[in-house]
Amino acid sequence: MVEFQLLDRRVHRSKHALCNALFDLLEQNKYDHISIKDIIVKAGYSRGTFYSHYRNKDDLLYECIESLFDKMVKSYRNWYIDKDLLNIKEFHNEPLTFLSHMKQYGRYYQILLGKNVQIDFRQKITEVLLNLFVDDFEYIGKSEQNPLEQSLLNRYCGYGVIGVILEWINEDFPTSPQKLSEELVKTMQTPLGNIRIKRKSQWNSYYYSDTIS
């Protein structure tokens, strides 16, 4: 049993080192320009160790992403895992654990959202978070909602929150997780009233163009 535990620790340590090496390299290099040799030299492991875990660097990248998503989902569900009903009016700072995770692993998210990784990570993270909204939440209003309306409401709320979080990451976390959490809660608790149309005189002329008939 001790040998298995030691082996597990060794596997975890080598995988962790390879993942960190890949992300260190991605800070300065495009993914397509990084070789397995670059990764193992940076990590301080042999080619044999690499191939004992992965078939190629794509396997390594996707396992790093899956590990990150696993941590993200756990942190997201942490604040409601023991609840059956959420009252938005009673929210205080519920998103904080999730946002703290995003800040803690911000380097990884920023690299994956950056130009050096040739995958649409923005779409991937949006899908994961949106699925959480759709799968975990059912909004209860004053009137009955049919399934189509419920699905639309889930996506409407989900895309809004996701957009704010991705912008926060891309702007290098201009506010603290605590502050953003408080602002998100305020947004959730604020019903929309009437909408005032602003500064019509400053609208661009292309709004009135007849170029396309």
N, C-alpha and C. Protein backbone atom coordinates (compact mmCIF):
# COMPACT_ATOMS: atom_id res chain seq x y z
N MET A 1 0.83 -1.21 0.00
CA MET A 1 0.00 0.00 0.00
C MET A 1 0.87 1.26 0.00
N VAL A 2 1.95 1.23 0.79
CA VAL A 2 2.85 2.37 0.84
C VAL A 2 3.49 2.60 -0.52
N GLU A 3 3.85 1.52 -1.21
CA GLU A 3 4.47 1.65 -2.53
C GLU A 3 3.52 2.30 -3.53
N PHE A 4 2.23 1.89 -3.46
CA PHE A 4 1.25 2.50 -4.36
C PHE A 4 1.08 3.99 -4.06
N GLN A 5 1.06 4.32 -2.77
CA GLN A 5 0.93 5.72 -2.40
C GLN A 5 2.14 6.52 -2.88
N LEU A 6 3.33 5.91 -2.74
CA LEU A 6 4.54 6.58 -3.20
C LEU A 6 4.50 6.75 -4.71
N LEU A 7 4.05 5.70 -5.41
CA LEU A 7 3.94 5.77 -6.86
C LEU A 7 2.96 6.86 -7.26
N ASP A 8 1.82 6.94 -6.57
CA ASP A 8 0.82 7.96 -6.88
C ASP A 8 1.41 9.35 -6.69
N ARG A 9 2.17 9.53 -5.64
CA ARG A 9 2.78 10.84 -5.40
C ARG A 9 3.79 11.17 -6.49
N ARG A 10 4.54 10.16 -6.91
CA ARG A 10 5.52 10.39 -7.97
C ARG A 10 4.85 10.74 -9.29
N VAL A 11 3.78 10.01 -9.60
CA VAL A 11 3.03 10.30 -10.82
C VAL A 11 2.46 11.70 -10.77
N HIS A 12 1.87 12.04 -9.64
CA HIS A 12 1.29 13.37 -9.49
C HIS A 12 2.36 14.45 -9.63
N ARG A 13 3.52 14.20 -9.01
CA ARG A 13 4.60 15.19 -9.05
C ARG A 13 5.12 15.39 -10.47
N SER A 14 5.31 14.29 -11.20
CA SER A 14 5.84 14.41 -12.56
C SER A 14 4.81 15.04 -13.50
N LYS A 15 3.54 14.68 -13.35
CA LYS A 15 2.51 15.29 -14.19
C LYS A 15 2.38 16.77 -13.90
N HIS A 16 2.44 17.11 -12.64
CA HIS A 16 2.35 18.52 -12.24
C HIS A 16 3.51 19.32 -12.84
N ALA A 17 4.70 18.74 -12.80
CA ALA A 17 5.88 19.42 -13.34
C ALA A 17 5.78 19.59 -14.85
N LEU A 18 5.29 18.57 -15.54
CA LEU A 18 5.15 18.66 -16.99
C LEU A 18 4.10 19.70 -17.39
N CYS A 19 3.01 19.74 -16.64
CA CYS A 19 1.97 20.73 -16.91
C CYS A 19 2.49 22.15 -16.69
N ASN A 20 3.18 22.36 -15.58
CA ASN A 20 3.72 23.68 -15.30
C ASN A 20 4.76 24.08 -16.34
N ALA A 21 5.56 23.11 -16.78
CA ALA A 21 6.57 23.40 -17.80
C ALA A 21 5.90 23.85 -19.10
N LEU A 22 4.83 23.16 -19.48
CA LEU A 22 4.12 23.54 -20.69
C LEU A 22 3.58 24.96 -20.59
N PHE A 23 3.01 25.30 -19.45
CA PHE A 23 2.44 26.65 -19.30
C PHE A 23 3.53 27.72 -19.19
N ASP A 24 4.66 27.36 -18.59
CA ASP A 24 5.79 28.29 -18.58
C ASP A 24 6.22 28.62 -20.01
N LEU A 25 6.28 27.60 -20.84
CA LEU A 25 6.69 27.78 -22.24
C LEU A 25 5.63 28.56 -23.03
N LEU A 26 4.36 28.33 -22.70
CA LEU A 26 3.27 29.00 -23.42
C LEU A 26 3.22 30.50 -23.12
N GLU A 27 3.83 30.91 -22.05
CA GLU A 27 3.86 32.35 -21.76
C GLU A 27 4.65 33.12 -22.81
N GLN A 28 5.61 32.43 -23.45
CA GLN A 28 6.48 33.11 -24.41
C GLN A 28 6.42 32.53 -25.82
N ASN A 29 5.81 31.36 -25.97
CA ASN A 29 5.85 30.67 -27.26
C ASN A 29 4.48 30.18 -27.68
N LYS A 30 4.26 30.14 -28.99
CA LYS A 30 3.03 29.55 -29.50
C LYS A 30 3.07 28.04 -29.29
N TYR A 31 1.90 27.47 -29.07
CA TYR A 31 1.79 26.04 -28.77
C TYR A 31 2.43 25.20 -29.88
N ASP A 32 2.20 25.56 -31.13
CA ASP A 32 2.73 24.77 -32.25
C ASP A 32 4.25 24.79 -32.31
N HIS A 33 4.87 25.76 -31.67
CA HIS A 33 6.33 25.88 -31.70
C HIS A 33 7.01 25.18 -30.52
N ILE A 34 6.22 24.61 -29.64
CA ILE A 34 6.76 23.94 -28.46
C ILE A 34 6.87 22.44 -28.73
N SER A 35 8.04 21.88 -28.48
CA SER A 35 8.26 20.45 -28.70
C SER A 35 8.22 19.70 -27.38
N ILE A 36 8.09 18.39 -27.48
CA ILE A 36 8.14 17.56 -26.28
C ILE A 36 9.50 17.69 -25.60
N LYS A 37 10.56 17.83 -26.41
CA LYS A 37 11.89 18.04 -25.83
C LYS A 37 11.92 19.31 -25.00
N ASP A 38 11.31 20.38 -25.51
CA ASP A 38 11.25 21.64 -24.75
C ASP A 38 10.58 21.42 -23.39
N ILE A 39 9.49 20.65 -23.41
CA ILE A 39 8.71 20.43 -22.19
C ILE A 39 9.50 19.64 -21.16
N ILE A 40 10.14 18.54 -21.59
CA ILE A 40 10.84 17.69 -20.63
C ILE A 40 12.10 18.36 -20.09
N VAL A 41 12.76 19.15 -20.94
CA VAL A 41 13.93 19.88 -20.46
C VAL A 41 13.51 20.90 -19.41
N LYS A 42 12.43 21.61 -19.69
CA LYS A 42 11.92 22.61 -18.75
C LYS A 42 11.47 21.96 -17.44
N ALA A 43 10.85 20.79 -17.55
CA ALA A 43 10.32 20.11 -16.36
C ALA A 43 11.39 19.34 -15.60
N GLY A 44 12.48 18.99 -16.28
CA GLY A 44 13.53 18.22 -15.63
C GLY A 44 13.23 16.73 -15.57
N TYR A 45 12.47 16.24 -16.55
CA TYR A 45 12.15 14.81 -16.61
C TYR A 45 12.59 14.24 -17.95
N SER A 46 12.61 12.92 -18.03
CA SER A 46 13.07 12.25 -19.24
C SER A 46 11.92 12.09 -20.24
N ARG A 47 12.30 11.79 -21.47
CA ARG A 47 11.30 11.51 -22.49
C ARG A 47 10.48 10.28 -22.12
N GLY A 48 11.14 9.30 -21.49
CA GLY A 48 10.43 8.09 -21.06
C GLY A 48 9.34 8.40 -20.05
N THR A 49 9.63 9.31 -19.12
CA THR A 49 8.61 9.71 -18.14
C THR A 49 7.43 10.37 -18.84
N PHE A 50 7.73 11.23 -19.80
CA PHE A 50 6.65 11.89 -20.53
C PHE A 50 5.74 10.86 -21.20
N TYR A 51 6.36 9.92 -21.93
CA TYR A 51 5.55 8.96 -22.69
C TYR A 51 4.90 7.90 -21.81
N SER A 52 5.33 7.81 -20.56
CA SER A 52 4.63 6.91 -19.64
C SER A 52 3.29 7.50 -19.21
N HIS A 53 3.13 8.81 -19.40
CA HIS A 53 1.88 9.49 -19.04
C HIS A 53 1.05 9.89 -20.25
N TYR A 54 1.72 10.31 -21.32
CA TYR A 54 1.01 10.93 -22.44
C TYR A 54 1.51 10.40 -23.78
N ARG A 55 0.62 10.38 -24.76
CA ARG A 55 1.01 9.98 -26.11
C ARG A 55 1.69 11.13 -26.84
N ASN A 56 1.26 12.34 -26.55
CA ASN A 56 1.78 13.53 -27.23
C ASN A 56 1.47 14.75 -26.38
N LYS A 57 1.89 15.91 -26.86
CA LYS A 57 1.70 17.12 -26.05
C LYS A 57 0.23 17.54 -26.00
N ASP A 58 -0.57 17.13 -26.99
CA ASP A 58 -2.00 17.42 -26.94
C ASP A 58 -2.64 16.74 -25.73
N ASP A 59 -2.24 15.49 -25.47
CA ASP A 59 -2.75 14.79 -24.29
C ASP A 59 -2.42 15.55 -23.01
N LEU A 60 -1.20 16.05 -22.94
CA LEU A 60 -0.78 16.82 -21.77
C LEU A 60 -1.62 18.08 -21.62
N LEU A 61 -1.78 18.82 -22.70
CA LEU A 61 -2.55 20.06 -22.65
C LEU A 61 -3.99 19.80 -22.20
N TYR A 62 -4.62 18.79 -22.79
CA TYR A 62 -6.03 18.54 -22.47
C TYR A 62 -6.19 18.01 -21.05
N GLU A 63 -5.20 17.27 -20.55
CA GLU A 63 -5.31 16.84 -19.15
C GLU A 63 -5.15 18.03 -18.21
N CYS A 64 -4.27 18.95 -18.56
CA CYS A 64 -4.13 20.18 -17.76
C CYS A 64 -5.45 20.95 -17.73
N ILE A 65 -6.09 21.05 -18.88
CA ILE A 65 -7.36 21.78 -18.97
C ILE A 65 -8.44 21.06 -18.17
N GLU A 66 -8.51 19.74 -18.30
CA GLU A 66 -9.52 18.97 -17.55
C GLU A 66 -9.31 19.11 -16.05
N SER A 67 -8.06 19.09 -15.62
CA SER A 67 -7.76 19.26 -14.19
C SER A 67 -8.20 20.64 -13.71
N LEU A 68 -7.95 21.65 -14.54
CA LEU A 68 -8.36 23.02 -14.20
C LEU A 68 -9.88 23.13 -14.13
N PHE A 69 -10.56 22.53 -15.10
CA PHE A 69 -12.02 22.56 -15.10
C PHE A 69 -12.60 21.82 -13.89
N ASP A 70 -11.96 20.72 -13.52
CA ASP A 70 -12.44 19.96 -12.35
C ASP A 70 -12.37 20.82 -11.09
N LYS A 71 -11.27 21.52 -10.92
CA LYS A 71 -11.14 22.43 -9.77
C LYS A 71 -12.16 23.55 -9.85
N MET A 72 -12.37 24.06 -11.06
CA MET A 72 -13.30 25.16 -11.26
C MET A 72 -14.73 24.75 -10.89
N VAL A 73 -15.16 23.60 -11.37
CA VAL A 73 -16.52 23.13 -11.10
C VAL A 73 -16.72 22.89 -9.60
N LYS A 74 -15.74 22.30 -8.95
CA LYS A 74 -15.85 22.05 -7.51
C LYS A 74 -15.97 23.36 -6.74
N SER A 75 -15.18 24.35 -7.13
CA SER A 75 -15.24 25.64 -6.43
C SER A 75 -16.56 26.34 -6.72
N TYR A 76 -17.08 26.17 -7.94
CA TYR A 76 -18.35 26.81 -8.32
C TYR A 76 -19.50 26.24 -7.50
N ARG A 77 -19.52 24.91 -7.36
CA ARG A 77 -20.63 24.26 -6.66
C ARG A 77 -20.49 24.32 -5.14
N ASN A 78 -19.35 24.75 -4.68
CA ASN A 78 -19.07 24.70 -3.25
C ASN A 78 -20.09 25.45 -2.40
N TRP A 79 -20.56 26.60 -2.91
CA TRP A 79 -21.44 27.43 -2.09
C TRP A 79 -22.90 27.00 -2.10
N TYR A 80 -23.27 26.05 -2.96
CA TYR A 80 -24.66 25.59 -2.93
C TYR A 80 -24.80 24.07 -2.88
N ILE A 81 -23.69 23.37 -2.66
CA ILE A 81 -23.72 21.91 -2.71
C ILE A 81 -24.60 21.32 -1.61
N ASP A 82 -24.75 22.03 -0.49
CA ASP A 82 -25.55 21.51 0.62
C ASP A 82 -26.92 22.17 0.70
N LYS A 83 -27.34 22.84 -0.39
CA LYS A 83 -28.63 23.54 -0.39
C LYS A 83 -29.56 22.95 -1.44
N ASP A 84 -30.86 23.11 -1.21
CA ASP A 84 -31.87 22.69 -2.18
C ASP A 84 -32.56 23.88 -2.83
N LEU A 85 -32.50 25.02 -2.17
CA LEU A 85 -33.16 26.22 -2.68
C LEU A 85 -32.32 27.44 -2.36
N LEU A 86 -32.20 28.33 -3.34
CA LEU A 86 -31.44 29.57 -3.14
C LEU A 86 -32.38 30.76 -3.27
N ASN A 87 -32.31 31.64 -2.30
CA ASN A 87 -33.09 32.88 -2.35
C ASN A 87 -32.14 34.01 -2.73
N ILE A 88 -32.28 34.49 -3.96
CA ILE A 88 -31.35 35.51 -4.46
C ILE A 88 -31.35 36.75 -3.57
N LYS A 89 -32.50 37.09 -3.00
CA LYS A 89 -32.58 38.28 -2.16
C LYS A 89 -31.75 38.14 -0.89
N GLU A 90 -31.43 36.90 -0.51
CA GLU A 90 -30.66 36.67 0.71
C GLU A 90 -29.19 36.42 0.43
N PHE A 91 -28.77 36.55 -0.84
CA PHE A 91 -27.36 36.36 -1.17
C PHE A 91 -26.51 37.42 -0.46
N HIS A 92 -25.31 37.02 -0.09
CA HIS A 92 -24.36 37.96 0.51
C HIS A 92 -23.06 37.98 -0.31
N ASN A 93 -22.32 36.88 -0.25
CA ASN A 93 -21.05 36.85 -0.97
C ASN A 93 -20.80 35.45 -1.53
N GLU A 94 -21.87 34.83 -2.00
CA GLU A 94 -21.81 33.42 -2.39
C GLU A 94 -20.81 33.11 -3.51
N PRO A 95 -20.64 33.96 -4.53
CA PRO A 95 -19.71 33.61 -5.62
C PRO A 95 -18.23 33.70 -5.25
N LEU A 96 -17.90 34.10 -4.01
CA LEU A 96 -16.51 34.42 -3.67
C LEU A 96 -15.57 33.23 -3.84
N THR A 97 -15.98 32.03 -3.40
CA THR A 97 -15.10 30.86 -3.51
C THR A 97 -14.73 30.59 -4.96
N PHE A 98 -15.72 30.67 -5.83
CA PHE A 98 -15.49 30.44 -7.26
C PHE A 98 -14.55 31.49 -7.84
N LEU A 99 -14.80 32.75 -7.52
CA LEU A 99 -13.96 33.83 -8.05
C LEU A 99 -12.55 33.77 -7.48
N SER A 100 -12.43 33.34 -6.24
CA SER A 100 -11.10 33.17 -5.64
C SER A 100 -10.31 32.10 -6.38
N HIS A 101 -11.01 31.05 -6.80
CA HIS A 101 -10.36 30.01 -7.61
C HIS A 101 -9.86 30.61 -8.92
N MET A 102 -10.69 31.40 -9.59
CA MET A 102 -10.30 31.99 -10.87
C MET A 102 -9.06 32.87 -10.70
N LYS A 103 -9.01 33.61 -9.61
CA LYS A 103 -7.85 34.48 -9.36
C LYS A 103 -6.62 33.63 -9.02
N GLN A 104 -6.80 32.60 -8.20
CA GLN A 104 -5.68 31.74 -7.81
C GLN A 104 -5.02 31.09 -9.02
N TYR A 105 -5.84 30.64 -9.96
CA TYR A 105 -5.32 29.97 -11.15
C TYR A 105 -5.36 30.90 -12.37
N GLY A 106 -5.34 32.20 -12.09
CA GLY A 106 -5.47 33.19 -13.15
C GLY A 106 -4.43 33.07 -14.24
N ARG A 107 -3.21 32.72 -13.87
CA ARG A 107 -2.14 32.56 -14.87
C ARG A 107 -2.54 31.54 -15.93
N TYR A 108 -3.09 30.42 -15.50
CA TYR A 108 -3.47 29.37 -16.43
C TYR A 108 -4.61 29.83 -17.34
N TYR A 109 -5.60 30.48 -16.74
CA TYR A 109 -6.73 30.96 -17.54
C TYR A 109 -6.29 32.01 -18.55
N GLN A 110 -5.42 32.90 -18.13
CA GLN A 110 -4.96 33.95 -19.04
C GLN A 110 -4.16 33.38 -20.20
N ILE A 111 -3.33 32.40 -19.93
CA ILE A 111 -2.55 31.77 -21.00
C ILE A 111 -3.48 31.04 -21.97
N LEU A 112 -4.45 30.31 -21.43
CA LEU A 112 -5.36 29.55 -22.29
C LEU A 112 -6.27 30.46 -23.10
N LEU A 113 -6.56 31.64 -22.58
CA LEU A 113 -7.38 32.60 -23.31
C LEU A 113 -6.54 33.46 -24.25
N GLY A 114 -5.23 33.33 -24.16
CA GLY A 114 -4.34 34.16 -24.95
C GLY A 114 -4.09 33.63 -26.36
N LYS A 115 -3.20 34.30 -27.06
CA LYS A 115 -2.98 34.03 -28.48
C LYS A 115 -2.05 32.85 -28.75
N ASN A 116 -1.34 32.35 -27.72
CA ASN A 116 -0.36 31.29 -27.96
C ASN A 116 -0.96 29.89 -27.97
N VAL A 117 -2.20 29.76 -27.56
CA VAL A 117 -2.85 28.44 -27.55
C VAL A 117 -3.89 28.41 -28.67
N GLN A 118 -3.70 27.50 -29.61
CA GLN A 118 -4.58 27.46 -30.79
C GLN A 118 -5.82 26.59 -30.55
N ILE A 119 -6.51 26.87 -29.47
CA ILE A 119 -7.81 26.24 -29.23
C ILE A 119 -8.76 27.35 -28.79
N ASP A 120 -10.03 27.13 -29.00
CA ASP A 120 -11.01 28.14 -28.60
C ASP A 120 -11.37 27.90 -27.14
N PHE A 121 -10.46 28.30 -26.25
CA PHE A 121 -10.68 28.06 -24.83
C PHE A 121 -11.85 28.88 -24.30
N ARG A 122 -12.05 30.05 -24.86
CA ARG A 122 -13.20 30.87 -24.44
C ARG A 122 -14.50 30.09 -24.63
N GLN A 123 -14.61 29.40 -25.77
CA GLN A 123 -15.81 28.62 -26.03
C GLN A 123 -15.90 27.43 -25.08
N LYS A 124 -14.77 26.80 -24.79
CA LYS A 124 -14.76 25.64 -23.90
C LYS A 124 -15.20 26.01 -22.49
N ILE A 125 -14.63 27.08 -21.95
CA ILE A 125 -14.98 27.46 -20.59
C ILE A 125 -16.41 27.98 -20.52
N THR A 126 -16.86 28.64 -21.59
CA THR A 126 -18.25 29.09 -21.64
C THR A 126 -19.20 27.90 -21.61
N GLU A 127 -18.89 26.86 -22.37
CA GLU A 127 -19.74 25.67 -22.40
C GLU A 127 -19.81 25.00 -21.03
N VAL A 128 -18.66 24.89 -20.36
CA VAL A 128 -18.64 24.25 -19.05
C VAL A 128 -19.48 25.04 -18.04
N LEU A 129 -19.27 26.35 -18.00
CA LEU A 129 -20.00 27.18 -17.04
C LEU A 129 -21.48 27.26 -17.38
N LEU A 130 -21.78 27.33 -18.67
CA LEU A 130 -23.19 27.40 -19.07
C LEU A 130 -23.91 26.10 -18.72
N ASN A 131 -23.23 24.97 -18.90
CA ASN A 131 -23.83 23.69 -18.53
C ASN A 131 -24.12 23.63 -17.04
N LEU A 132 -23.27 24.27 -16.23
CA LEU A 132 -23.54 24.32 -14.80
C LEU A 132 -24.83 25.11 -14.52
N PHE A 133 -24.98 26.24 -15.19
CA PHE A 133 -26.20 27.03 -15.03
C PHE A 133 -27.43 26.21 -15.42
N VAL A 134 -27.35 25.56 -16.57
CA VAL A 134 -28.50 24.84 -17.11
C VAL A 134 -28.80 23.58 -16.30
N ASP A 135 -27.75 22.85 -15.92
CA ASP A 135 -27.94 21.57 -15.24
C ASP A 135 -28.27 21.72 -13.75
N ASP A 136 -27.72 22.76 -13.11
CA ASP A 136 -27.84 22.87 -11.66
C ASP A 136 -28.96 23.79 -11.19
N PHE A 137 -29.36 24.75 -12.02
CA PHE A 137 -30.30 25.77 -11.56
C PHE A 137 -31.63 25.70 -12.29
N GLU A 138 -32.67 25.96 -11.55
CA GLU A 138 -34.00 26.15 -12.13
C GLU A 138 -34.59 27.40 -11.49
N TYR A 139 -34.75 28.44 -12.28
CA TYR A 139 -35.26 29.70 -11.75
C TYR A 139 -36.76 29.60 -11.52
N ILE A 140 -37.18 30.01 -10.35
CA ILE A 140 -38.60 29.93 -9.98
C ILE A 140 -39.16 31.35 -9.92
N GLY A 141 -40.07 31.65 -10.81
CA GLY A 141 -40.69 32.97 -10.83
C GLY A 141 -42.08 32.94 -10.24
N LYS A 142 -42.79 34.05 -10.38
CA LYS A 142 -44.14 34.13 -9.85
C LYS A 142 -45.14 33.38 -10.71
N SER A 143 -44.81 33.19 -11.96
CA SER A 143 -45.71 32.46 -12.85
C SER A 143 -45.00 31.22 -13.38
N GLU A 144 -45.78 30.26 -13.84
CA GLU A 144 -45.22 29.04 -14.38
C GLU A 144 -44.47 29.35 -15.68
N GLN A 145 -43.35 28.69 -15.85
CA GLN A 145 -42.57 28.86 -17.07
C GLN A 145 -42.48 27.52 -17.78
N ASN A 146 -42.65 27.54 -19.10
CA ASN A 146 -42.50 26.28 -19.82
C ASN A 146 -41.02 25.99 -20.01
N PRO A 147 -40.64 24.77 -20.40
CA PRO A 147 -39.22 24.40 -20.50
C PRO A 147 -38.40 25.30 -21.41
N LEU A 148 -38.99 25.77 -22.50
CA LEU A 148 -38.25 26.64 -23.41
C LEU A 148 -37.89 27.95 -22.72
N GLU A 149 -38.83 28.54 -22.02
CA GLU A 149 -38.57 29.79 -21.33
C GLU A 149 -37.52 29.61 -20.23
N GLN A 150 -37.60 28.50 -19.52
CA GLN A 150 -36.63 28.22 -18.46
C GLN A 150 -35.23 28.09 -19.05
N SER A 151 -35.11 27.38 -20.15
CA SER A 151 -33.82 27.21 -20.80
C SER A 151 -33.27 28.55 -21.27
N LEU A 152 -34.13 29.38 -21.82
CA LEU A 152 -33.71 30.70 -22.29
C LEU A 152 -33.25 31.56 -21.12
N LEU A 153 -33.96 31.50 -20.01
CA LEU A 153 -33.60 32.28 -18.84
C LEU A 153 -32.25 31.83 -18.28
N ASN A 154 -32.04 30.51 -18.23
CA ASN A 154 -30.76 29.98 -17.75
C ASN A 154 -29.60 30.50 -18.60
N ARG A 155 -29.78 30.47 -19.91
CA ARG A 155 -28.72 30.91 -20.80
C ARG A 155 -28.51 32.42 -20.73
N TYR A 156 -29.59 33.14 -20.61
CA TYR A 156 -29.51 34.60 -20.50
C TYR A 156 -28.69 34.99 -19.26
N CYS A 157 -29.01 34.38 -18.13
CA CYS A 157 -28.28 34.68 -16.89
C CYS A 157 -26.85 34.16 -16.97
N GLY A 158 -26.71 32.95 -17.51
CA GLY A 158 -25.39 32.33 -17.58
C GLY A 158 -24.41 33.11 -18.43
N TYR A 159 -24.83 33.49 -19.63
CA TYR A 159 -23.94 34.23 -20.52
C TYR A 159 -23.54 35.58 -19.91
N GLY A 160 -24.46 36.20 -19.20
CA GLY A 160 -24.15 37.48 -18.58
C GLY A 160 -23.04 37.36 -17.54
N VAL A 161 -23.18 36.40 -16.64
CA VAL A 161 -22.17 36.20 -15.59
C VAL A 161 -20.84 35.75 -16.20
N ILE A 162 -20.91 34.84 -17.16
CA ILE A 162 -19.69 34.34 -17.79
C ILE A 162 -18.94 35.47 -18.49
N GLY A 163 -19.68 36.33 -19.18
CA GLY A 163 -19.04 37.45 -19.88
C GLY A 163 -18.31 38.37 -18.92
N VAL A 164 -18.92 38.65 -17.78
CA VAL A 164 -18.28 39.51 -16.78
C VAL A 164 -17.00 38.87 -16.26
N ILE A 165 -17.04 37.57 -15.99
CA ILE A 165 -15.88 36.87 -15.43
C ILE A 165 -14.74 36.80 -16.45
N LEU A 166 -15.05 36.50 -17.70
CA LEU A 166 -14.01 36.43 -18.72
C LEU A 166 -13.36 37.80 -18.95
N GLU A 167 -14.16 38.84 -18.91
CA GLU A 167 -13.61 40.19 -19.03
C GLU A 167 -12.70 40.50 -17.85
N TRP A 168 -13.10 40.09 -16.67
CA TRP A 168 -12.30 40.28 -15.45
C TRP A 168 -10.94 39.59 -15.57
N ILE A 169 -10.94 38.37 -16.12
CA ILE A 169 -9.69 37.63 -16.32
C ILE A 169 -8.82 38.33 -17.36
N ASN A 170 -9.42 38.68 -18.50
CA ASN A 170 -8.66 39.30 -19.58
C ASN A 170 -8.05 40.64 -19.19
N GLU A 171 -8.71 41.35 -18.28
CA GLU A 171 -8.20 42.65 -17.83
C GLU A 171 -7.26 42.51 -16.64
N ASP A 172 -6.83 41.27 -16.37
CA ASP A 172 -5.84 40.98 -15.32
C ASP A 172 -6.37 41.33 -13.93
N PHE A 173 -7.62 40.97 -13.68
CA PHE A 173 -8.23 41.05 -12.36
C PHE A 173 -8.12 42.46 -11.75
N PRO A 174 -8.77 43.44 -12.40
CA PRO A 174 -8.67 44.82 -11.90
C PRO A 174 -9.32 45.04 -10.54
N THR A 175 -10.24 44.16 -10.15
CA THR A 175 -10.83 44.24 -8.82
C THR A 175 -10.61 42.91 -8.11
N SER A 176 -10.75 42.91 -6.81
CA SER A 176 -10.54 41.70 -6.03
C SER A 176 -11.72 40.74 -6.21
N PRO A 177 -11.50 39.44 -5.95
CA PRO A 177 -12.64 38.50 -5.97
C PRO A 177 -13.75 38.94 -5.04
N GLN A 178 -13.39 39.48 -3.89
CA GLN A 178 -14.39 39.96 -2.92
C GLN A 178 -15.26 41.05 -3.54
N LYS A 179 -14.63 42.03 -4.18
CA LYS A 179 -15.37 43.14 -4.76
C LYS A 179 -16.26 42.68 -5.91
N LEU A 180 -15.71 41.86 -6.80
CA LEU A 180 -16.50 41.39 -7.93
C LEU A 180 -17.66 40.52 -7.46
N SER A 181 -17.42 39.72 -6.44
CA SER A 181 -18.49 38.89 -5.88
C SER A 181 -19.63 39.76 -5.37
N GLU A 182 -19.29 40.82 -4.66
CA GLU A 182 -20.32 41.73 -4.14
C GLU A 182 -21.10 42.38 -5.28
N GLU A 183 -20.39 42.77 -6.34
CA GLU A 183 -21.05 43.43 -7.47
C GLU A 183 -21.96 42.46 -8.23
N LEU A 184 -21.52 41.21 -8.37
CA LEU A 184 -22.35 40.22 -9.04
C LEU A 184 -23.64 39.96 -8.26
N VAL A 185 -23.50 39.88 -6.94
CA VAL A 185 -24.69 39.66 -6.11
C VAL A 185 -25.65 40.83 -6.25
N LYS A 186 -25.13 42.06 -6.24
CA LYS A 186 -25.99 43.24 -6.42
C LYS A 186 -26.71 43.18 -7.76
N THR A 187 -25.99 42.76 -8.79
CA THR A 187 -26.58 42.67 -10.13
C THR A 187 -27.72 41.65 -10.15
N MET A 188 -27.49 40.50 -9.51
CA MET A 188 -28.53 39.46 -9.46
C MET A 188 -29.77 39.95 -8.71
N GLN A 189 -29.55 40.81 -7.74
CA GLN A 189 -30.65 41.24 -6.88
C GLN A 189 -31.37 42.48 -7.40
N THR A 190 -30.86 43.08 -8.48
CA THR A 190 -31.42 44.32 -8.99
C THR A 190 -32.37 44.05 -10.15
N PRO A 191 -33.67 44.27 -9.98
CA PRO A 191 -34.60 44.08 -11.09
C PRO A 191 -34.47 45.22 -12.09
N LEU A 192 -34.65 44.91 -13.36
CA LEU A 192 -34.59 45.95 -14.38
C LEU A 192 -35.88 46.76 -14.39
N GLY A 193 -35.74 48.07 -14.48
CA GLY A 193 -36.91 48.93 -14.62
C GLY A 193 -37.03 49.40 -16.06
N ASN A 194 -37.44 50.64 -16.24
CA ASN A 194 -37.52 51.21 -17.58
C ASN A 194 -36.12 51.50 -18.11
N ILE A 195 -36.01 51.58 -19.41
CA ILE A 195 -34.73 51.86 -20.06
C ILE A 195 -34.81 53.20 -20.77
N ARG A 196 -33.90 54.10 -20.43
CA ARG A 196 -33.86 55.42 -21.06
C ARG A 196 -32.91 55.38 -22.25
N ILE A 197 -33.34 55.93 -23.38
CA ILE A 197 -32.51 56.01 -24.57
C ILE A 197 -31.57 57.20 -24.43
N LYS A 198 -30.27 56.99 -24.62
CA LYS A 198 -29.27 58.02 -24.36
C LYS A 198 -28.75 58.68 -25.64
N ARG A 199 -28.58 59.98 -25.62
CA ARG A 199 -27.82 60.77 -26.59
C ARG A 199 -28.08 60.40 -28.05
N LYS A 200 -29.31 60.49 -28.48
CA LYS A 200 -29.63 60.18 -29.88
C LYS A 200 -28.83 61.06 -30.84
N SER A 201 -28.57 62.28 -30.44
CA SER A 201 -27.87 63.22 -31.33
C SER A 201 -26.44 62.77 -31.63
N GLN A 202 -25.90 61.87 -30.80
CA GLN A 202 -24.52 61.42 -30.99
C GLN A 202 -24.44 60.05 -31.67
N TRP A 203 -25.58 59.51 -32.07
CA TRP A 203 -25.55 58.22 -32.75
C TRP A 203 -24.82 58.34 -34.07
N ASN A 204 -24.08 57.31 -34.42
CA ASN A 204 -23.36 57.31 -35.69
C ASN A 204 -24.33 57.25 -36.87
N SER A 205 -23.93 57.87 -37.96
CA SER A 205 -24.83 57.97 -39.12
C SER A 205 -25.12 56.62 -39.75
N TYR A 206 -24.25 55.61 -39.52
CA TYR A 206 -24.50 54.34 -40.20
C TYR A 206 -25.77 53.66 -39.72
N TYR A 207 -26.32 54.12 -38.62
CA TYR A 207 -27.59 53.55 -38.18
C TYR A 207 -28.70 53.87 -39.19
N TYR A 208 -28.48 54.91 -39.98
CA TYR A 208 -29.52 55.36 -40.91
C TYR A 208 -29.11 55.15 -42.36
N SER A 209 -28.08 54.37 -42.60
CA SER A 209 -27.58 54.18 -43.96
C SER A 209 -28.54 53.35 -44.79
N ASP A 210 -28.68 53.73 -46.07
CA ASP A 210 -29.53 52.98 -47.00
C ASP A 210 -28.68 52.23 -48.01
N THR A 211 -27.43 51.95 -47.68
CA THR A 211 -26.53 51.30 -48.63
C THR A 211 -27.05 49.93 -49.02
N ILE A 212 -27.57 49.19 -48.04
CA ILE A 212 -28.12 47.85 -48.32
C ILE A 212 -29.62 47.97 -48.47
N SER A 213 -30.12 47.53 -49.60
CA SER A 213 -31.56 47.64 -49.85
C SER A 213 -32.22 46.28 -49.72
